[in-house]
PDB file of N, CA and C in Angstrom:
ATOM      1  N   MET A   1      69.592 130.290  -7.326  1.00  0.00           N
ATOM      2  CA  MET A   1      68.389 129.654  -6.820  1.00  0.00           C
ATOM      3  C   MET A   1      67.918 128.547  -7.761  1.00  0.00           C
ATOM      4  N   LEU A   2      67.997 128.795  -9.049  1.00  0.00           N
ATOM      5  CA  LEU A   2      67.576 127.810 -10.040  1.00  0.00           C
ATOM      6  C   LEU A   2      68.439 126.561  -9.958  1.00  0.00           C
ATOM      7  N   VAL A   3      69.743 126.735  -9.720  1.00  0.00           N
ATOM      8  CA  VAL A   3      70.667 125.600  -9.612  1.00  0.00           C
ATOM      9  C   VAL A   3      70.299 124.734  -8.395  1.00  0.00           C
ATOM     10  N   ILE A   4      69.930 125.376  -7.302  1.00  0.00           N
ATOM     11  CA  ILE A   4      69.550 124.636  -6.096  1.00  0.00           C
ATOM     12  C   ILE A   4      68.281 123.834  -6.354  1.00  0.00           C
ATOM     13  N   ASN A   5      67.287 124.427  -7.004  1.00  0.00           N
ATOM     14  CA  ASN A   5      66.033 123.733  -7.309  1.00  0.00           C
ATOM     15  C   ASN A   5      66.283 122.537  -8.230  1.00  0.00           C
ATOM     16  N   ILE A   6      67.137 122.705  -9.218  1.00  0.00           N
ATOM     17  CA  ILE A   6      67.462 121.605 -10.136  1.00  0.00           C
ATOM     18  C   ILE A   6      68.173 120.496  -9.371  1.00  0.00           C
ATOM     19  N   THR A   7      69.106 120.864  -8.501  1.00  0.00           N
ATOM     20  CA  THR A   7      69.843 119.878  -7.711  1.00  0.00           C
ATOM     21  C   THR A   7      68.901 119.110  -6.793  1.00  0.00           C
ATOM     22  N   VAL A   8      67.991 119.794  -6.139  1.00  0.00           N
ATOM     23  CA  VAL A   8      67.012 119.147  -5.260  1.00  0.00           C
ATOM     24  C   VAL A   8      66.121 118.225  -6.083  1.00  0.00           C
ATOM     25  N   GLY A   9      65.705 118.678  -7.242  1.00  0.00           N
ATOM     26  CA  GLY A   9      64.854 117.862  -8.113  1.00  0.00           C
ATOM     27  C   GLY A   9      65.563 116.586  -8.547  1.00  0.00           C
ATOM     28  N   ILE A  10      66.826 116.709  -8.905  1.00  0.00           N
ATOM     29  CA  ILE A  10      67.607 115.543  -9.314  1.00  0.00           C
ATOM     30  C   ILE A  10      67.778 114.584  -8.136  1.00  0.00           C
ATOM     31  N   ALA A  11      68.036 115.110  -6.958  1.00  0.00           N
ATOM     32  CA  ALA A  11      68.204 114.276  -5.763  1.00  0.00           C
ATOM     33  C   ALA A  11      66.921 113.514  -5.455  1.00  0.00           C
ATOM     34  N   ILE A  12      65.789 114.181  -5.544  1.00  0.00           N
ATOM     35  CA  ILE A  12      64.503 113.523  -5.294  1.00  0.00           C
ATOM     36  C   ILE A  12      64.256 112.440  -6.344  1.00  0.00           C
ATOM     37  N   PHE A  13      64.541 112.749  -7.591  1.00  0.00           N
ATOM     38  CA  PHE A  13      64.373 111.771  -8.673  1.00  0.00           C
ATOM     39  C   PHE A  13      65.234 110.537  -8.424  1.00  0.00           C
ATOM     40  N   LEU A  14      66.498 110.734  -8.073  1.00  0.00           N
ATOM     41  CA  LEU A  14      67.398 109.606  -7.823  1.00  0.00           C
ATOM     42  C   LEU A  14      66.937 108.777  -6.627  1.00  0.00           C
ATOM     43  N   LEU A  15      66.419 109.443  -5.609  1.00  0.00           N
ATOM     44  CA  LEU A  15      65.890 108.740  -4.451  1.00  0.00           C
ATOM     45  C   LEU A  15      64.691 107.877  -4.841  1.00  0.00           C
ATOM     46  N   LEU A  16      63.801 108.409  -5.648  1.00  0.00           N
ATOM     47  CA  LEU A  16      62.636 107.642  -6.105  1.00  0.00           C
ATOM     48  C   LEU A  16      63.055 106.452  -6.964  1.00  0.00           C
ATOM     49  N   VAL A  17      64.047 106.633  -7.819  1.00  0.00           N
ATOM     50  CA  VAL A  17      64.555 105.528  -8.634  1.00  0.00           C
ATOM     51  C   VAL A  17      65.143 104.441  -7.739  1.00  0.00           C
ATOM     52  N   ALA A  18      65.911 104.838  -6.750  1.00  0.00           N
ATOM     53  CA  ALA A  18      66.524 103.869  -5.834  1.00  0.00           C
ATOM     54  C   ALA A  18      65.454 103.088  -5.078  1.00  0.00           C
ATOM     55  N   ILE A  19      64.427 103.754  -4.604  1.00  0.00           N
ATOM     56  CA  ILE A  19      63.339 103.085  -3.878  1.00  0.00           C
ATOM     57  C   ILE A  19      62.613 102.110  -4.805  1.00  0.00           C
ATOM     58  N   THR A  20      62.352 102.519  -6.023  1.00  0.00           N
ATOM     59  CA  THR A  20      61.685 101.650  -6.995  1.00  0.00           C
ATOM     60  C   THR A  20      62.515 100.414  -7.287  1.00  0.00           C
ATOM     61  N   LEU A  21      63.809 100.591  -7.461  1.00  0.00           N
ATOM     62  CA  LEU A  21      64.685  99.449  -7.735  1.00  0.00           C
ATOM     63  C   LEU A  21      64.744  98.493  -6.551  1.00  0.00           C
ATOM     64  N   MET A  22      64.803  99.017  -5.336  1.00  0.00           N
ATOM     65  CA  MET A  22      64.828  98.159  -4.148  1.00  0.00           C
ATOM     66  C   MET A  22      63.532  97.358  -4.049  1.00  0.00           C
ATOM     67  N   TYR A  23      62.392  98.004  -4.281  1.00  0.00           N
ATOM     68  CA  TYR A  23      61.102  97.330  -4.205  1.00  0.00           C
ATOM     69  C   TYR A  23      60.998  96.258  -5.284  1.00  0.00           C
ATOM     70  N   SER A  24      61.425  96.588  -6.478  1.00  0.00           N
ATOM     71  CA  SER A  24      61.384  95.640  -7.596  1.00  0.00           C
ATOM     72  C   SER A  24      62.274  94.433  -7.315  1.00  0.00           C
ATOM     73  N   SER A  25      63.442  94.677  -6.748  1.00  0.00           N
ATOM     74  CA  SER A  25      64.373  93.604  -6.429  1.00  0.00           C
ATOM     75  C   SER A  25      63.780  92.658  -5.385  1.00  0.00           C
ATOM     76  N   LYS A  26      63.113  93.205  -4.372  1.00  0.00           N
ATOM     77  CA  LYS A  26      62.497  92.380  -3.332  1.00  0.00           C
ATOM     78  C   LYS A  26      61.366  91.540  -3.912  1.00  0.00           C
ATOM     79  N   ARG A  27      60.556  92.140  -4.801  1.00  0.00           N
ATOM     80  CA  ARG A  27      59.464  91.395  -5.440  1.00  0.00           C
ATOM     81  C   ARG A  27      60.015  90.277  -6.298  1.00  0.00           C
ATOM     82  N   SER A  28      61.081  90.578  -7.041  1.00  0.00           N
ATOM     83  CA  SER A  28      61.689  89.591  -7.917  1.00  0.00           C
ATOM     84  C   SER A  28      62.259  88.431  -7.102  1.00  0.00           C
ATOM     85  N   LYS A  29      62.894  88.727  -5.971  1.00  0.00           N
ATOM     86  CA  LYS A  29      63.445  87.680  -5.101  1.00  0.00           C
ATOM     87  C   LYS A  29      62.323  86.815  -4.555  1.00  0.00           C
ATOM     88  N   ALA A  30      61.222  87.423  -4.155  1.00  0.00           N
ATOM     89  CA  ALA A  30      60.091  86.663  -3.624  1.00  0.00           C
ATOM     90  C   ALA A  30      59.516  85.742  -4.695  1.00  0.00           C
ATOM     91  N   LYS A  31      59.418  86.234  -5.928  1.00  0.00           N
ATOM     92  CA  LYS A  31      58.915  85.394  -7.017  1.00  0.00           C
ATOM     93  C   LYS A  31      59.851  84.231  -7.282  1.00  0.00           C
ATOM     94  N   ARG A  32      61.161  84.493  -7.261  1.00  0.00           N
ATOM     95  CA  ARG A  32      62.134  83.416  -7.480  1.00  0.00           C
ATOM     96  C   ARG A  32      62.033  82.382  -6.360  1.00  0.00           C
ATOM     97  N   ASP A  33      61.895  82.841  -5.119  1.00  0.00           N
ATOM     98  CA  ASP A  33      61.760  81.921  -3.998  1.00  0.00           C
ATOM     99  C   ASP A  33      60.514  81.046  -4.165  1.00  0.00           C
ATOM    100  N   ASP A  34      59.402  81.650  -4.588  1.00  0.00           N
ATOM    101  CA  ASP A  34      58.169  80.887  -4.821  1.00  0.00           C
ATOM    102  C   ASP A  34      58.367  79.859  -5.929  1.00  0.00           C
ATOM    103  N   TRP A  35      59.048  80.263  -6.997  1.00  0.00           N
ATOM    104  CA  TRP A  35      59.316  79.369  -8.118  1.00  0.00           C
ATOM    105  C   TRP A  35      60.186  78.192  -7.669  1.00  0.00           C
ATOM    106  N   GLU A  36      61.247  78.483  -6.909  1.00  0.00           N
ATOM    107  CA  GLU A  36      62.118  77.409  -6.419  1.00  0.00           C
ATOM    108  C   GLU A  36      61.357  76.480  -5.477  1.00  0.00           C
ATOM    109  N   GLU A  37      60.493  77.032  -4.642  1.00  0.00           N
ATOM    110  CA  GLU A  37      59.703  76.193  -3.736  1.00  0.00           C
ATOM    111  C   GLU A  37      58.799  75.251  -4.528  1.00  0.00           C
ATOM    112  N   SER A  38      58.226  75.741  -5.615  1.00  0.00           N
ATOM    113  CA  SER A  38      57.370  74.872  -6.439  1.00  0.00           C
ATOM    114  C   SER A  38      58.186  73.739  -7.062  1.00  0.00           C
ATOM    115  N   ILE A  39      59.445  74.006  -7.390  1.00  0.00           N
ATOM    116  CA  ILE A  39      60.309  72.951  -7.929  1.00  0.00           C
ATOM    117  C   ILE A  39      60.591  71.908  -6.846  1.00  0.00           C
ATOM    118  N   TYR A  40      60.890  72.353  -5.631  1.00  0.00           N
ATOM    119  CA  TYR A  40      61.108  71.419  -4.524  1.00  0.00           C
ATOM    120  C   TYR A  40      59.870  70.539  -4.320  1.00  0.00           C
ATOM    121  N   LYS A  41      58.689  71.148  -4.321  1.00  0.00           N
ATOM    122  CA  LYS A  41      57.457  70.384  -4.135  1.00  0.00           C
ATOM    123  C   LYS A  41      57.281  69.330  -5.221  1.00  0.00           C
ATOM    124  N   GLN A  42      57.574  69.711  -6.469  1.00  0.00           N
ATOM    125  CA  GLN A  42      57.441  68.765  -7.573  1.00  0.00           C
ATOM    126  C   GLN A  42      58.426  67.607  -7.429  1.00  0.00           C
ATOM    127  N   VAL A  43      59.661  67.894  -7.054  1.00  0.00           N
ATOM    128  CA  VAL A  43      60.668  66.843  -6.888  1.00  0.00           C
ATOM    129  C   VAL A  43      60.258  65.890  -5.763  1.00  0.00           C
ATOM    130  N   VAL A  44      59.771  66.421  -4.656  1.00  0.00           N
ATOM    131  CA  VAL A  44      59.331  65.574  -3.542  1.00  0.00           C
ATOM    132  C   VAL A  44      58.137  64.717  -3.972  1.00  0.00           C
ATOM    133  N   ARG A  45      57.212  65.311  -4.709  1.00  0.00           N
ATOM    134  CA  ARG A  45      56.052  64.570  -5.206  1.00  0.00           C
ATOM    135  C   ARG A  45      56.502  63.441  -6.137  1.00  0.00           C
ATOM    136  N   ASP A  46      57.434  63.750  -7.039  1.00  0.00           N
ATOM    137  CA  ASP A  46      57.959  62.722  -7.944  1.00  0.00           C
ATOM    138  C   ASP A  46      58.664  61.612  -7.164  1.00  0.00           C
ATOM    139  N   LEU A  47      59.412  61.972  -6.145  1.00  0.00           N
ATOM    140  CA  LEU A  47      60.121  60.985  -5.328  1.00  0.00           C
ATOM    141  C   LEU A  47      59.125  60.062  -4.625  1.00  0.00           C
ATOM    142  N   LYS A  48      58.052  60.639  -4.083  1.00  0.00           N
ATOM    143  CA  LYS A  48      57.029  59.825  -3.410  1.00  0.00           C
ATOM    144  C   LYS A  48      56.329  58.888  -4.398  1.00  0.00           C
ATOM    145  N   ASN A  49      56.202  59.320  -5.660  1.00  0.00           N
ATOM    146  CA  ASN A  49      55.564  58.496  -6.696  1.00  0.00           C
ATOM    147  C   ASN A  49      56.565  57.603  -7.407  1.00  0.00           C
ATOM    148  N   ASN A  50      57.770  57.512  -6.854  1.00  0.00           N
ATOM    149  CA  ASN A  50      58.844  56.662  -7.384  1.00  0.00           C
ATOM    150  C   ASN A  50      59.245  57.040  -8.818  1.00  0.00           C
ATOM    151  N   LYS A  51      59.157  58.315  -9.154  1.00  0.00           N
ATOM    152  CA  LYS A  51      59.620  58.830 -10.454  1.00  0.00           C
ATOM    153  C   LYS A  51      60.964  59.509 -10.220  1.00  0.00           C
ATOM    154  N   LYS A  52      62.026  58.727 -10.324  1.00  0.00           N
ATOM    155  CA  LYS A  52      63.357  59.234 -10.015  1.00  0.00           C
ATOM    156  C   LYS A  52      64.158  59.452 -11.280  1.00  0.00           C
ATOM    157  N   ARG A  53      65.067  60.396 -11.211  1.00  0.00           N
ATOM    158  CA  ARG A  53      66.076  60.572 -12.251  1.00  0.00           C
ATOM    159  C   ARG A  53      67.215  59.627 -11.880  1.00  0.00           C
ATOM    160  N   TYR A  54      67.317  58.563 -12.634  1.00  0.00           N
ATOM    161  CA  TYR A  54      68.198  57.453 -12.280  1.00  0.00           C
ATOM    162  C   TYR A  54      69.635  57.900 -12.000  1.00  0.00           C
ATOM    163  N   GLY A  55      70.213  58.710 -12.884  1.00  0.00           N
ATOM    164  CA  GLY A  55      71.601  59.135 -12.706  1.00  0.00           C
ATOM    165  C   GLY A  55      71.806  59.953 -11.444  1.00  0.00           C
ATOM    166  N   LEU A  56      70.873  60.849 -11.158  1.00  0.00           N
ATOM    167  CA  LEU A  56      70.986  61.665  -9.943  1.00  0.00           C
ATOM    168  C   LEU A  56      70.759  60.822  -8.691  1.00  0.00           C
ATOM    169  N   TRP A  57      69.870  59.829  -8.796  1.00  0.00           N
ATOM    170  CA  TRP A  57      69.638  58.946  -7.660  1.00  0.00           C
ATOM    171  C   TRP A  57      70.909  58.159  -7.337  1.00  0.00           C
ATOM    172  N   LYS A  58      71.556  57.632  -8.392  1.00  0.00           N
ATOM    173  CA  LYS A  58      72.793  56.876  -8.189  1.00  0.00           C
ATOM    174  C   LYS A  58      73.878  57.758  -7.580  1.00  0.00           C
ATOM    175  N   LEU A  59      73.985  58.973  -8.051  1.00  0.00           N
ATOM    176  CA  LEU A  59      74.970  59.903  -7.496  1.00  0.00           C
ATOM    177  C   LEU A  59      74.690  60.163  -6.018  1.00  0.00           C
ATOM    178  N   ALA A  60      73.423  60.383  -5.687  1.00  0.00           N
ATOM    179  CA  ALA A  60      73.046  60.625  -4.285  1.00  0.00           C
ATOM    180  C   ALA A  60      73.345  59.404  -3.425  1.00  0.00           C
ATOM    181  N   MET A  61      73.082  58.204  -3.954  1.00  0.00           N
ATOM    182  CA  MET A  61      73.379  56.977  -3.204  1.00  0.00           C
ATOM    183  C   MET A  61      74.875  56.878  -2.923  1.00  0.00           C
ATOM    184  N   LYS A  62      75.665  57.166  -3.943  1.00  0.00           N
ATOM    185  CA  LYS A  62      77.115  57.096  -3.797  1.00  0.00           C
ATOM    186  C   LYS A  62      77.610  58.108  -2.759  1.00  0.00           C
ATOM    187  N   GLU A  63      77.127  59.329  -2.850  1.00  0.00           N
ATOM    188  CA  GLU A  63      77.570  60.400  -1.952  1.00  0.00           C
ATOM    189  C   GLU A  63      77.104  60.183  -0.514  1.00  0.00           C
ATOM    190  N   SER A  64      75.997  59.474  -0.337  1.00  0.00           N
ATOM    191  CA  SER A  64      75.440  59.288   1.015  1.00  0.00           C
ATOM    192  C   SER A  64      75.915  58.001   1.672  1.00  0.00           C
ATOM    193  N   ASN A  65      76.733  57.230   0.964  1.00  0.00           N
ATOM    194  CA  ASN A  65      77.219  55.944   1.493  1.00  0.00           C
ATOM    195  C   ASN A  65      76.073  55.025   1.912  1.00  0.00           C
ATOM    196  N   GLY A  66      74.963  55.115   1.173  1.00  0.00           N
ATOM    197  CA  GLY A  66      73.835  54.218   1.426  1.00  0.00           C
ATOM    198  C   GLY A  66      72.887  54.638   2.528  1.00  0.00           C
ATOM    199  N   LEU A  67      73.103  55.771   3.162  1.00  0.00           N
ATOM    200  CA  LEU A  67      72.191  56.259   4.203  1.00  0.00           C
ATOM    201  C   LEU A  67      70.956  56.854   3.524  1.00  0.00           C
ATOM    202  N   GLU A  68      69.803  56.225   3.742  1.00  0.00           N
ATOM    203  CA  GLU A  68      68.602  56.570   2.985  1.00  0.00           C
ATOM    204  C   GLU A  68      68.163  58.026   3.159  1.00  0.00           C
ATOM    205  N   ASP A  69      68.114  58.528   4.390  1.00  0.00           N
ATOM    206  CA  ASP A  69      67.682  59.917   4.615  1.00  0.00           C
ATOM    207  C   ASP A  69      68.620  60.904   3.936  1.00  0.00           C
ATOM    208  N   THR A  70      69.918  60.642   4.076  1.00  0.00           N
ATOM    209  CA  THR A  70      70.910  61.510   3.435  1.00  0.00           C
ATOM    210  C   THR A  70      70.798  61.416   1.930  1.00  0.00           C
ATOM    211  N   CYS A  71      70.562  60.212   1.435  1.00  0.00           N
ATOM    212  CA  CYS A  71      70.422  59.993  -0.001  1.00  0.00           C
ATOM    213  C   CYS A  71      69.244  60.797  -0.558  1.00  0.00           C
ATOM    214  N   GLU A  72      68.104  60.732   0.113  1.00  0.00           N
ATOM    215  CA  GLU A  72      66.934  61.477  -0.353  1.00  0.00           C
ATOM    216  C   GLU A  72      67.180  62.981  -0.334  1.00  0.00           C
ATOM    217  N   SER A  73      67.818  63.466   0.721  1.00  0.00           N
ATOM    218  CA  SER A  73      68.114  64.901   0.810  1.00  0.00           C
ATOM    219  C   SER A  73      69.035  65.345  -0.320  1.00  0.00           C
ATOM    220  N   LEU A  74      70.082  64.571  -0.547  1.00  0.00           N
ATOM    221  CA  LEU A  74      71.003  64.899  -1.641  1.00  0.00           C
ATOM    222  C   LEU A  74      70.299  64.827  -2.988  1.00  0.00           C
ATOM    223  N   TYR A  75      69.499  63.793  -3.174  1.00  0.00           N
ATOM    224  CA  TYR A  75      68.778  63.621  -4.436  1.00  0.00           C
ATOM    225  C   TYR A  75      67.878  64.821  -4.717  1.00  0.00           C
ATOM    226  N   ILE A  76      67.143  65.261  -3.712  1.00  0.00           N
ATOM    227  CA  ILE A  76      66.258  66.416  -3.884  1.00  0.00           C
ATOM    228  C   ILE A  76      67.066  67.649  -4.266  1.00  0.00           C
ATOM    229  N   ALA A  77      68.165  67.881  -3.573  1.00  0.00           N
ATOM    230  CA  ALA A  77      69.012  69.043  -3.883  1.00  0.00           C
ATOM    231  C   ALA A  77      69.569  68.949  -5.301  1.00  0.00           C
ATOM    232  N   TYR A  78      70.032  67.758  -5.704  1.00  0.00           N
ATOM    233  CA  TYR A  78      70.573  67.582  -7.055  1.00  0.00           C
ATOM    234  C   TYR A  78      69.501  67.816  -8.113  1.00  0.00           C
ATOM    235  N   CYS A  79      68.302  67.295  -7.872  1.00  0.00           N
ATOM    236  CA  CYS A  79      67.220  67.473  -8.850  1.00  0.00           C
ATOM    237  C   CYS A  79      66.833  68.941  -9.000  1.00  0.00           C
ATOM    238  N   VAL A  80      66.673  69.612  -7.871  1.00  0.00           N
ATOM    239  CA  VAL A  80      66.288  71.030  -7.917  1.00  0.00           C
ATOM    240  C   VAL A  80      67.356  71.830  -8.648  1.00  0.00           C
ATOM    241  N   GLN A  81      68.608  71.580  -8.314  1.00  0.00           N
ATOM    242  CA  GLN A  81      69.713  72.276  -8.979  1.00  0.00           C
ATOM    243  C   GLN A  81      69.691  71.994 -10.480  1.00  0.00           C
ATOM    244  N   SER A  82      69.443  70.750 -10.852  1.00  0.00           N
ATOM    245  CA  SER A  82      69.407  70.363 -12.259  1.00  0.00           C
ATOM    246  C   SER A  82      68.260  71.049 -13.002  1.00  0.00           C
ATOM    247  N   ILE A  83      67.084  71.061 -12.401  1.00  0.00           N
ATOM    248  CA  ILE A  83      65.913  71.681 -13.040  1.00  0.00           C
ATOM    249  C   ILE A  83      66.122  73.179 -13.203  1.00  0.00           C
ATOM    250  N   ILE A  84      66.644  73.829 -12.183  1.00  0.00           N
ATOM    251  CA  ILE A  84      66.913  75.269 -12.282  1.00  0.00           C
ATOM    252  C   ILE A  84      67.928  75.530 -13.398  1.00  0.00           C
ATOM    253  N   GLY A  85      68.976  74.719 -13.440  1.00  0.00           N
ATOM    254  CA  GLY A  85      69.984  74.865 -14.493  1.00  0.00           C
ATOM    255  C   GLY A  85      69.398  74.677 -15.879  1.00  0.00           C
ATOM    256  N   GLU A  86      68.513  73.702 -16.025  1.00  0.00           N
ATOM    257  CA  GLU A  86      67.866  73.469 -17.321  1.00  0.00           C
ATOM    258  C   GLU A  86      67.056  74.684 -17.746  1.00  0.00           C
ATOM    259  N   HIS A  87      66.294  75.247 -16.810  1.00  0.00           N
ATOM    260  CA  HIS A  87      65.492  76.435 -17.127  1.00  0.00           C
ATOM    261  C   HIS A  87      66.385  77.622 -17.492  1.00  0.00           C
ATOM    262  N   GLU A  88      67.490  77.780 -16.770  1.00  0.00           N
ATOM    263  CA  GLU A  88      68.387  78.904 -17.064  1.00  0.00           C
ATOM    264  C   GLU A  88      69.043  78.740 -18.435  1.00  0.00           C
ATOM    265  N   ILE A  89      69.435  77.508 -18.778  1.00  0.00           N
ATOM    266  CA  ILE A  89      70.048  77.261 -20.086  1.00  0.00           C
ATOM    267  C   ILE A  89      69.044  77.521 -21.204  1.00  0.00           C
ATOM    268  N   LEU A  90      67.810  77.060 -21.005  1.00  0.00           N
ATOM    269  CA  LEU A  90      66.776  77.237 -22.033  1.00  0.00           C
ATOM    270  C   LEU A  90      66.207  78.648 -22.053  1.00  0.00           C
ATOM    271  N   GLY A  91      66.532  79.416 -21.031  1.00  0.00           N
ATOM    272  CA  GLY A  91      66.021  80.791 -20.975  1.00  0.00           C
ATOM    273  C   GLY A  91      64.544  80.850 -20.636  1.00  0.00           C
ATOM    274  N   THR A  92      64.043  79.848 -19.923  1.00  0.00           N
ATOM    275  CA  THR A  92      62.624  79.814 -19.591  1.00  0.00           C
ATOM    276  C   THR A  92      62.327  80.311 -18.187  1.00  0.00           C
ATOM    277  N   VAL A  93      63.310  80.909 -17.544  1.00  0.00           N
ATOM    278  CA  VAL A  93      63.083  81.499 -16.217  1.00  0.00           C
ATOM    279  C   VAL A  93      62.560  82.899 -16.453  1.00  0.00           C
ATOM    280  N   ARG A  94      61.289  83.107 -16.135  1.00  0.00           N
ATOM    281  CA  ARG A  94      60.683  84.435 -16.315  1.00  0.00           C
ATOM    282  C   ARG A  94      60.152  84.905 -14.970  1.00  0.00           C
ATOM    283  N   ILE A  95      61.030  85.564 -14.251  1.00  0.00           N
ATOM    284  CA  ILE A  95      60.649  86.013 -12.903  1.00  0.00           C
ATOM    285  C   ILE A  95      60.783  87.512 -12.816  1.00  0.00           C
TER     286      ILE A  95
END
């Protein structure tokens, strides 16, 4: 009987740990999504204020064959990717 109670207790404990980890993972993903969205907003704001990263802009122009809408979309994606990479390298991503 004691073995059964211990086994049930361990099973309940493992279930609670699994639920906690799933909840924590979902919260962490939501925070990362919010953080990435704020980076997109900043890049778009900088683009509207004509504050461009020259090298990334040139790369986007080259890749888009001069199509302005495509160029802006590529530029935004390149900037966001670059900023995220910079934060990851510096270890400043705290999510």
